[in-house]
Amino acid sequence: MVGTVDFVTQRGRDPDEAPPKRVDARTERWREHRKKVRDEFVDAAFRALDKFGPEVSMGDIAKEAGAAKPKLYRHFEDKTDLYNAIVDRVRDMLWERIISSIDLTHDSARELVRRGAAEYVLVVTEHPNVFRFMLHSHFTQQADESERALQSARQSAKRAAELFAGMLEDKSVEVASVELVNYSIFGAVASATDWWLGANRPQANAMPIEKFVAYLAEIISALAEANARLNGIVIDAGLPLHQAFSSV
């Protein structure tokens, strides 16, 4: 026994210390499998929403995935869990589409806003019922859970704020201030989208796409400029983002 203790101690580990945890390959494989199946169900949810509209049921989604409804519930705790996964997918999709379409180093601030608005509206036109579902989902019956879309917007706002603030030459611009205006922008854009899509009624858009993109770009720019003024900052929208901000 003493020899064993001496041997362990010589190898540099306290004999009273718990041994390092080993990665369970089966657990890791199950985690990867579960994520894959959840992603496939979210894919099916998008197809079902496109096909059946925002009043889609869990049964519709399971059928679209080619699976029995009990399997769907094995991978999602409830309707809210699936709703959250759909919101997260849209958030990641928008982020990827917008970031891949812009050049943060060379595009002017004005062009960044226009392209971002255009990519956003393009995704809305591709999946209008997904956005109707997020804004008016019957999957979220409890008030606290219905805030999930706003929570996701808040996370995206912080992510964008940290990215943009890190690029600015004027380091006096606070991340919290940028986060606030981004969050305000997401709220305004969500409300405008709700109106444009017809407030949960599948119908023709109330405004041509090009005009709606221009409207969103103007609203986004106005909110950003108002926030800048409140912080004693001037925005030159014709310059690249990292050069566009200057103190008064």
Foldseek 3Di string as FASTA:
>chain_A
DVVVCVVVVVVPDHPPDDDDDDDDPVVVVVVVVLVVVLVLLLVLVLVLCQVPFLVDDLCSSCVSSVHHSVVVCVSAVFLLRNLLVNLVVLLVVLVVQLVVVDDLVFAFLLVSLLSSLLSNVVVCVVRVRSLLNLQDNPSDPDPVSNCSNLVSQLVVLLVVLVVLCVLAPPVVDDSVLSSVLSSVLVVVVSVLSCVQCPNRDRDHGPDDSVVSSVVSSVVSVVSVQVSQVVVQWAADRRGRSRPGIDGD
